[in-house]
Amino acid sequence: MERAFPEADVTGYRPLISAMSNDPKDRQVVAAAVKAGAQVIVTSNIKDFSPLPDGLRRSCRTTFCATCSTSTRTLSSRCFVTRRQTSPSRR
């Protein structure tokens, strides 16, 4: 991911973590998504990503991909925030 989308690395999200109200173990993911200006968090762990801040939604991969038209299959790196990129050990 870092080689393919170096601009997707999110920094400066740590001050936002305490304001997130989803599952505590996943708050850094939501904080990074907010900081990055993401609109969607794509995850297989839907239950831990609620509630989310206004303007941010969650989607499973299957639903997300099904809603993408052929012309938008090349997605902005801002759509995805991965746990690996936002793990506390990296920031």
N, C-alpha and C. Protein backbone atom coordinates (compact mmCIF):
# COMPACT_ATOMS: atom_id res chain seq x y z
N MET A 1 0.83 -1.18 0.00
CA MET A 1 0.00 0.00 0.00
C MET A 1 0.88 1.25 0.00
N GLU A 2 1.92 1.24 0.82
CA GLU A 2 2.79 2.42 0.88
C GLU A 2 3.47 2.70 -0.45
N ARG A 3 3.88 1.64 -1.17
CA ARG A 3 4.51 1.84 -2.47
C ARG A 3 3.51 2.29 -3.53
N ALA A 4 2.33 1.71 -3.50
CA ALA A 4 1.32 2.02 -4.51
C ALA A 4 0.68 3.39 -4.29
N PHE A 5 0.46 3.75 -3.03
CA PHE A 5 -0.22 5.00 -2.70
C PHE A 5 0.51 5.72 -1.57
N PRO A 6 1.70 6.25 -1.81
CA PRO A 6 2.43 6.91 -0.72
C PRO A 6 1.67 8.11 -0.15
N GLU A 7 0.81 8.73 -0.94
CA GLU A 7 0.03 9.87 -0.46
C GLU A 7 -1.09 9.46 0.49
N ALA A 8 -1.31 8.15 0.64
CA ALA A 8 -2.37 7.67 1.53
C ALA A 8 -1.94 7.59 2.99
N ASP A 9 -0.68 7.80 3.27
CA ASP A 9 -0.20 7.76 4.65
C ASP A 9 -0.80 8.93 5.42
N VAL A 10 -1.47 8.63 6.52
CA VAL A 10 -2.17 9.66 7.30
C VAL A 10 -1.38 9.97 8.56
N THR A 11 -1.11 11.24 8.79
CA THR A 11 -0.44 11.68 10.01
C THR A 11 -1.30 12.76 10.67
N GLY A 12 -1.01 13.04 11.93
CA GLY A 12 -1.70 14.11 12.64
C GLY A 12 -3.10 13.75 13.10
N TYR A 13 -3.43 12.49 13.13
CA TYR A 13 -4.77 12.07 13.54
C TYR A 13 -4.89 11.78 15.04
N ARG A 14 -3.76 11.59 15.73
CA ARG A 14 -3.80 11.19 17.15
C ARG A 14 -4.64 12.11 18.05
N PRO A 15 -4.59 13.43 17.88
CA PRO A 15 -5.43 14.29 18.75
C PRO A 15 -6.93 14.05 18.56
N LEU A 16 -7.33 13.44 17.47
CA LEU A 16 -8.75 13.20 17.21
C LEU A 16 -9.27 11.91 17.84
N ILE A 17 -8.39 11.01 18.21
CA ILE A 17 -8.81 9.69 18.69
C ILE A 17 -9.77 9.77 19.86
N SER A 18 -9.50 10.61 20.82
CA SER A 18 -10.35 10.68 22.03
C SER A 18 -11.76 11.19 21.73
N ALA A 19 -11.95 11.86 20.62
CA ALA A 19 -13.28 12.37 20.26
C ALA A 19 -14.13 11.33 19.53
N MET A 20 -13.55 10.21 19.15
CA MET A 20 -14.29 9.19 18.43
C MET A 20 -15.08 8.33 19.42
N SER A 21 -16.27 7.90 19.02
CA SER A 21 -17.12 7.15 19.95
C SER A 21 -17.45 5.74 19.47
N ASN A 22 -16.76 5.27 18.46
CA ASN A 22 -16.94 3.88 18.05
C ASN A 22 -16.14 2.97 18.98
N ASP A 23 -16.03 1.70 18.65
CA ASP A 23 -15.31 0.74 19.48
C ASP A 23 -13.89 1.27 19.77
N PRO A 24 -13.48 1.27 21.04
CA PRO A 24 -12.18 1.85 21.41
C PRO A 24 -10.98 1.28 20.64
N LYS A 25 -11.00 -0.01 20.31
CA LYS A 25 -9.85 -0.57 19.61
C LYS A 25 -9.77 -0.14 18.14
N ASP A 26 -10.81 0.50 17.63
CA ASP A 26 -10.81 0.95 16.24
C ASP A 26 -10.91 2.47 16.09
N ARG A 27 -10.80 3.18 17.18
CA ARG A 27 -10.93 4.64 17.11
C ARG A 27 -9.83 5.31 16.31
N GLN A 28 -8.64 4.73 16.30
CA GLN A 28 -7.55 5.35 15.53
C GLN A 28 -7.85 5.28 14.03
N VAL A 29 -8.57 4.25 13.61
CA VAL A 29 -8.93 4.12 12.19
C VAL A 29 -9.90 5.23 11.80
N VAL A 30 -10.90 5.47 12.64
CA VAL A 30 -11.88 6.52 12.37
C VAL A 30 -11.21 7.89 12.43
N ALA A 31 -10.35 8.10 13.40
CA ALA A 31 -9.65 9.39 13.51
C ALA A 31 -8.80 9.64 12.27
N ALA A 32 -8.13 8.63 11.77
CA ALA A 32 -7.31 8.78 10.57
C ALA A 32 -8.20 9.05 9.35
N ALA A 33 -9.34 8.39 9.29
CA ALA A 33 -10.27 8.62 8.17
C ALA A 33 -10.78 10.06 8.19
N VAL A 34 -11.11 10.57 9.38
CA VAL A 34 -11.57 11.96 9.51
C VAL A 34 -10.45 12.91 9.07
N LYS A 35 -9.26 12.69 9.57
CA LYS A 35 -8.12 13.54 9.22
C LYS A 35 -7.84 13.53 7.72
N ALA A 36 -8.01 12.39 7.08
CA ALA A 36 -7.74 12.25 5.65
C ALA A 36 -8.87 12.80 4.78
N GLY A 37 -10.01 13.07 5.40
CA GLY A 37 -11.14 13.55 4.63
C GLY A 37 -11.87 12.43 3.90
N ALA A 38 -11.75 11.22 4.41
CA ALA A 38 -12.41 10.07 3.79
C ALA A 38 -13.92 10.18 3.91
N GLN A 39 -14.62 9.59 2.99
CA GLN A 39 -16.07 9.52 3.04
C GLN A 39 -16.56 8.15 3.46
N VAL A 40 -15.72 7.13 3.25
CA VAL A 40 -16.11 5.74 3.52
C VAL A 40 -14.96 4.98 4.17
N ILE A 41 -15.29 4.19 5.17
CA ILE A 41 -14.36 3.21 5.72
C ILE A 41 -14.85 1.86 5.22
N VAL A 42 -14.02 1.16 4.46
CA VAL A 42 -14.37 -0.15 3.94
C VAL A 42 -13.76 -1.18 4.88
N THR A 43 -14.62 -2.01 5.48
CA THR A 43 -14.17 -2.94 6.50
C THR A 43 -15.05 -4.18 6.53
N SER A 44 -14.49 -5.28 7.00
CA SER A 44 -15.30 -6.48 7.23
C SER A 44 -15.81 -6.50 8.66
N ASN A 45 -15.45 -5.49 9.43
CA ASN A 45 -15.81 -5.39 10.84
C ASN A 45 -16.82 -4.26 11.06
N ILE A 46 -17.94 -4.32 10.39
CA ILE A 46 -18.94 -3.26 10.40
C ILE A 46 -19.38 -2.88 11.81
N LYS A 47 -19.57 -3.87 12.69
CA LYS A 47 -20.15 -3.60 14.01
C LYS A 47 -19.30 -2.67 14.87
N ASP A 48 -18.00 -2.65 14.68
CA ASP A 48 -17.13 -1.81 15.51
C ASP A 48 -16.98 -0.39 14.98
N PHE A 49 -17.63 -0.08 13.87
CA PHE A 49 -17.52 1.24 13.29
C PHE A 49 -18.85 1.98 13.34
N SER A 50 -19.39 2.06 14.53
CA SER A 50 -20.62 2.79 14.79
C SER A 50 -20.59 3.27 16.23
N PRO A 51 -20.99 4.49 16.48
CA PRO A 51 -21.37 5.52 15.52
C PRO A 51 -20.13 6.15 14.87
N LEU A 52 -20.38 6.80 13.73
CA LEU A 52 -19.32 7.51 13.01
C LEU A 52 -19.65 9.00 12.95
N PRO A 53 -18.62 9.83 12.82
CA PRO A 53 -18.86 11.26 12.67
C PRO A 53 -19.68 11.56 11.41
N ASP A 54 -20.38 12.67 11.41
CA ASP A 54 -21.15 13.08 10.24
C ASP A 54 -20.27 13.13 9.00
N GLY A 55 -20.80 12.68 7.90
CA GLY A 55 -20.07 12.71 6.64
C GLY A 55 -19.19 11.50 6.38
N LEU A 56 -19.13 10.59 7.34
CA LEU A 56 -18.32 9.38 7.19
C LEU A 56 -19.24 8.18 7.34
N ARG A 57 -19.12 7.24 6.42
CA ARG A 57 -19.96 6.04 6.51
C ARG A 57 -19.08 4.80 6.44
N ARG A 58 -19.66 3.69 6.79
CA ARG A 58 -18.95 2.41 6.76
C ARG A 58 -19.59 1.53 5.70
N SER A 59 -18.81 0.64 5.13
CA SER A 59 -19.31 -0.27 4.12
C SER A 59 -18.46 -1.52 4.12
N CYS A 60 -19.10 -2.66 3.86
CA CYS A 60 -18.31 -3.88 3.66
C CYS A 60 -17.77 -3.83 2.22
N ARG A 61 -16.74 -4.57 1.97
CA ARG A 61 -16.08 -4.55 0.66
C ARG A 61 -17.03 -4.91 -0.47
N THR A 62 -17.85 -5.93 -0.27
CA THR A 62 -18.76 -6.38 -1.31
C THR A 62 -19.75 -5.29 -1.69
N THR A 63 -20.35 -4.66 -0.69
CA THR A 63 -21.32 -3.60 -0.95
C THR A 63 -20.64 -2.40 -1.58
N PHE A 64 -19.48 -2.05 -1.07
CA PHE A 64 -18.76 -0.90 -1.61
C PHE A 64 -18.41 -1.11 -3.08
N CYS A 65 -17.86 -2.26 -3.40
CA CYS A 65 -17.47 -2.54 -4.78
C CYS A 65 -18.69 -2.63 -5.69
N ALA A 66 -19.79 -3.15 -5.18
CA ALA A 66 -21.00 -3.26 -5.99
C ALA A 66 -21.57 -1.89 -6.33
N THR A 67 -21.33 -0.90 -5.49
CA THR A 67 -21.87 0.43 -5.75
C THR A 67 -20.97 1.28 -6.62
N CYS A 68 -19.77 0.81 -6.88
CA CYS A 68 -18.85 1.54 -7.74
C CYS A 68 -19.17 1.25 -9.20
N SER A 69 -19.33 2.28 -9.98
CA SER A 69 -19.56 2.06 -11.41
C SER A 69 -18.23 1.73 -12.07
N THR A 70 -18.27 1.21 -13.25
CA THR A 70 -17.06 0.85 -13.98
C THR A 70 -16.13 2.05 -14.12
N SER A 71 -16.68 3.22 -14.31
CA SER A 71 -15.85 4.41 -14.50
C SER A 71 -15.19 4.89 -13.22
N THR A 72 -15.65 4.43 -12.09
CA THR A 72 -15.03 4.87 -10.83
C THR A 72 -14.31 3.75 -10.11
N ARG A 73 -13.99 2.67 -10.80
CA ARG A 73 -13.27 1.57 -10.16
C ARG A 73 -11.86 1.98 -9.74
N THR A 74 -11.28 2.96 -10.41
CA THR A 74 -9.99 3.48 -9.99
C THR A 74 -10.28 4.49 -8.89
N LEU A 75 -10.17 4.06 -7.66
CA LEU A 75 -10.59 4.86 -6.52
C LEU A 75 -9.46 5.69 -5.95
N SER A 76 -9.82 6.81 -5.42
CA SER A 76 -8.85 7.65 -4.73
C SER A 76 -8.34 6.91 -3.51
N SER A 77 -7.08 7.08 -3.21
CA SER A 77 -6.50 6.45 -2.02
C SER A 77 -7.15 6.98 -0.75
N ARG A 78 -7.86 8.09 -0.83
CA ARG A 78 -8.51 8.65 0.35
C ARG A 78 -9.73 7.84 0.77
N CYS A 79 -10.18 6.91 -0.06
CA CYS A 79 -11.34 6.07 0.29
C CYS A 79 -10.99 5.02 1.32
N PHE A 80 -9.73 4.64 1.38
CA PHE A 80 -9.35 3.52 2.22
C PHE A 80 -8.40 3.94 3.34
N VAL A 81 -8.70 3.48 4.50
CA VAL A 81 -7.77 3.62 5.62
C VAL A 81 -7.61 2.22 6.18
N THR A 82 -6.40 1.73 6.18
CA THR A 82 -6.18 0.37 6.65
C THR A 82 -5.66 0.37 8.07
N ARG A 83 -5.98 -0.65 8.80
CA ARG A 83 -5.50 -0.78 10.18
C ARG A 83 -3.98 -0.72 10.20
N ARG A 84 -3.30 -1.32 9.24
CA ARG A 84 -1.84 -1.32 9.21
C ARG A 84 -1.29 0.10 9.12
N GLN A 85 -1.91 0.94 8.34
CA GLN A 85 -1.43 2.30 8.19
C GLN A 85 -1.66 3.15 9.43
N THR A 86 -2.66 2.79 10.20
CA THR A 86 -3.00 3.64 11.33
C THR A 86 -2.73 3.01 12.68
N SER A 87 -1.97 1.94 12.71
CA SER A 87 -1.68 1.28 13.98
C SER A 87 -0.88 2.21 14.89
N PRO A 88 -1.18 2.21 16.19
CA PRO A 88 -0.51 3.11 17.13
C PRO A 88 1.02 2.97 17.11
N SER A 89 1.52 1.79 16.78
CA SER A 89 2.99 1.61 16.77
C SER A 89 3.66 2.38 15.66
N ARG A 90 2.91 2.77 14.64
CA ARG A 90 3.50 3.50 13.51
C ARG A 90 3.48 4.99 13.71
N ARG A 91 2.72 5.52 14.66
CA ARG A 91 2.60 6.97 14.85
C ARG A 91 3.10 7.38 16.21
